[in-house]
């Protein structure tokens, strides 16, 4: 793995994420989600989940983070959800429903990861995990294992 190249990609996507154009910011959030494990990407992603200019950026970035189906992506979403205003929280909730309403195994894994986050040392993550878990608990997925 070429860490210098990965860092350069995060820097470039970070620049795109500061664009005045909402489409650029949405694309940056989508792309940065693949690098969420890098500390410099997680800060940028938090800003894009809580984008003050357009909630499409919020939704697209949140969906990309949730589709990672890992602790890193869910932790960033939970942290943002803990401090989100009602408007942003609605769009985060919509992304949660969109991502986890199809396969029950994906929903079950997200609920398990919320339990892991409940023990985090960061109060913001704990609060966000609780809110995320509440959103997940409302979902009745379409497909379940046989």
Protein backbone atom coordinates (compact mmCIF):
# COMPACT_ATOMS: atom_id res chain seq x y z
CA UNK A 1 0.00 0.00 0.00
CA UNK A 2 1.42 3.35 -1.01
CA UNK A 3 0.71 5.65 1.95
CA UNK A 4 2.11 8.72 0.17
CA UNK A 5 -0.22 8.21 -2.76
CA UNK A 6 -3.20 7.58 -0.46
CA UNK A 7 -2.38 10.78 1.44
CA UNK A 8 -2.19 12.71 -1.87
CA UNK A 9 -5.64 11.43 -2.84
CA UNK A 10 -7.08 12.55 0.50
CA UNK A 11 -5.51 15.99 0.06
CA UNK A 12 -6.97 16.28 -3.46
CA UNK A 13 -10.42 15.12 -2.35
CA UNK A 14 -10.19 17.51 0.60
CA UNK A 15 -9.67 20.38 -1.84
CA UNK A 16 -12.67 19.19 -3.86
CA UNK A 17 -14.66 19.02 -0.62
CA UNK A 18 -14.06 22.74 -0.06
CA UNK A 19 -15.52 23.66 -3.45
CA UNK A 20 -18.38 26.14 -3.72
CA UNK A 21 -20.20 23.61 -5.92
CA UNK A 22 -22.35 21.12 -4.00
CA UNK A 23 -21.72 18.45 -6.67
CA UNK A 24 -17.98 18.64 -6.06
CA UNK A 25 -18.48 18.37 -2.30
CA UNK A 26 -20.82 15.38 -2.72
CA UNK A 27 -18.29 13.63 -4.96
CA UNK A 28 -15.53 14.40 -2.48
CA UNK A 29 -17.55 12.87 0.37
CA UNK A 30 -18.25 9.77 -1.69
CA UNK A 31 -14.60 9.39 -2.62
CA UNK A 32 -13.22 10.19 0.83
CA UNK A 33 -15.35 7.48 2.42
CA UNK A 34 -12.94 4.94 0.93
CA UNK A 35 -10.14 6.55 2.94
CA UNK A 36 -12.07 7.05 6.19
CA UNK A 37 -9.53 5.10 8.21
CA UNK A 38 -6.97 7.86 7.62
CA UNK A 39 -7.15 10.52 10.36
CA UNK A 40 -6.95 13.40 7.88
CA UNK A 41 -9.92 11.98 5.96
CA UNK A 42 -12.15 11.51 9.00
CA UNK A 43 -12.12 15.23 9.84
CA UNK A 44 -12.98 16.14 6.25
CA UNK A 45 -15.77 13.55 6.22
CA UNK A 46 -17.31 14.95 9.41
CA UNK A 47 -17.48 18.35 7.75
CA UNK A 48 -19.11 16.90 4.65
CA UNK A 49 -21.69 14.90 6.62
CA UNK A 50 -22.64 18.17 8.30
CA UNK A 51 -22.27 20.25 5.11
CA UNK A 52 -23.86 23.65 5.75
CA UNK A 53 -24.53 24.36 2.08
CA UNK A 54 -26.46 21.38 0.77
CA UNK A 55 -28.04 18.33 2.37
CA UNK A 56 -27.39 16.22 -0.74
CA UNK A 57 -23.74 16.33 0.35
CA UNK A 58 -24.83 15.10 3.77
CA UNK A 59 -26.83 12.23 2.33
CA UNK A 60 -24.27 11.10 -0.27
CA UNK A 61 -21.36 11.21 2.17
CA UNK A 62 -23.35 9.43 4.88
CA UNK A 63 -24.45 6.68 2.50
CA UNK A 64 -20.89 6.10 1.35
CA UNK A 65 -19.67 5.87 4.94
CA UNK A 66 -22.45 3.48 5.93
CA UNK A 67 -21.85 1.27 2.89
CA UNK A 68 -18.34 0.60 4.19
CA UNK A 69 -20.14 -1.59 6.76
CA UNK A 70 -17.37 -1.12 9.27
CA UNK A 71 -16.71 0.53 12.60
CA UNK A 72 -14.78 3.41 11.02
CA UNK A 73 -17.62 4.53 8.76
CA UNK A 74 -20.31 4.11 11.40
CA UNK A 75 -18.23 5.97 14.00
CA UNK A 76 -17.92 9.02 11.75
CA UNK A 77 -21.66 8.97 11.08
CA UNK A 78 -22.43 8.53 14.80
CA UNK A 79 -20.11 11.41 15.72
CA UNK A 80 -21.82 13.66 13.20
CA UNK A 81 -25.28 12.54 14.31
CA UNK A 82 -24.47 13.48 17.90
CA UNK A 83 -24.00 17.14 16.96
CA UNK A 84 -26.29 17.39 13.92
CA UNK A 85 -29.16 19.83 13.87
CA UNK A 86 -32.63 18.40 13.19
CA UNK A 87 -32.41 19.13 9.48
CA UNK A 88 -29.11 17.28 9.00
CA UNK A 89 -30.26 14.49 11.33
CA UNK A 90 -33.25 13.89 9.03
CA UNK A 91 -30.97 13.43 6.02
CA UNK A 92 -28.63 11.17 7.99
CA UNK A 93 -31.65 9.11 9.04
CA UNK A 94 -32.78 8.86 5.41
CA UNK A 95 -29.35 7.55 4.41
CA UNK A 96 -29.48 5.00 7.25
CA UNK A 97 -32.85 3.73 6.04
CA UNK A 98 -31.68 3.61 2.42
CA UNK A 99 -28.57 1.60 3.27
CA UNK A 100 -29.94 -0.81 5.88
CA UNK A 101 -33.51 -1.52 4.76
CA UNK A 102 -32.67 -4.28 2.28
CA UNK A 103 -30.53 -7.01 3.91
CA UNK A 104 -31.11 -8.06 7.51
CA UNK A 105 -27.49 -9.23 7.86
CA UNK A 106 -26.29 -5.69 7.10
CA UNK A 107 -28.73 -4.25 9.63
CA UNK A 108 -27.67 -6.80 12.25
CA UNK A 109 -24.00 -5.94 11.73
CA UNK A 110 -24.73 -2.21 12.06
CA UNK A 111 -26.62 -2.84 15.31
CA UNK A 112 -23.68 -4.90 16.60
CA UNK A 113 -21.28 -2.07 15.75
CA UNK A 114 -23.52 0.38 17.61
CA UNK A 115 -23.06 -1.79 20.70
CA UNK A 116 -19.29 -1.58 20.22
CA UNK A 117 -19.50 2.21 19.89
CA UNK A 118 -21.60 2.40 23.07
CA UNK A 119 -18.41 1.58 24.98
CA UNK A 120 -16.32 4.28 23.27
CA UNK A 121 -14.42 6.76 25.43
CA UNK A 122 -15.71 9.70 23.34
CA UNK A 123 -19.08 10.89 24.66
CA UNK A 124 -20.01 12.20 21.23
CA UNK A 125 -19.57 8.73 19.71
CA UNK A 126 -21.63 7.17 22.51
CA UNK A 127 -24.48 9.66 22.05
CA UNK A 128 -24.39 9.31 18.28
CA UNK A 129 -24.32 5.50 18.53
CA UNK A 130 -27.43 5.62 20.68
CA UNK A 131 -29.21 7.83 18.13
CA UNK A 132 -28.01 5.66 15.27
CA UNK A 133 -29.21 2.54 17.05
CA UNK A 134 -32.66 4.13 17.50
CA UNK A 135 -32.83 4.78 13.74
CA UNK A 136 -31.70 1.26 12.94
CA UNK A 137 -34.21 -0.29 15.36
CA UNK A 138 -37.08 1.22 13.34
CA UNK A 139 -36.03 -0.58 10.15
CA UNK A 140 -37.73 -3.76 8.99
CA UNK A 141 -35.42 -5.11 6.26
CA UNK A 142 -36.84 -6.64 3.09
CA UNK A 143 -34.55 -9.67 2.79
CA UNK A 144 -33.74 -12.15 5.56
CA UNK A 145 -31.68 -15.35 5.43
CA UNK A 146 -33.61 -18.55 4.72
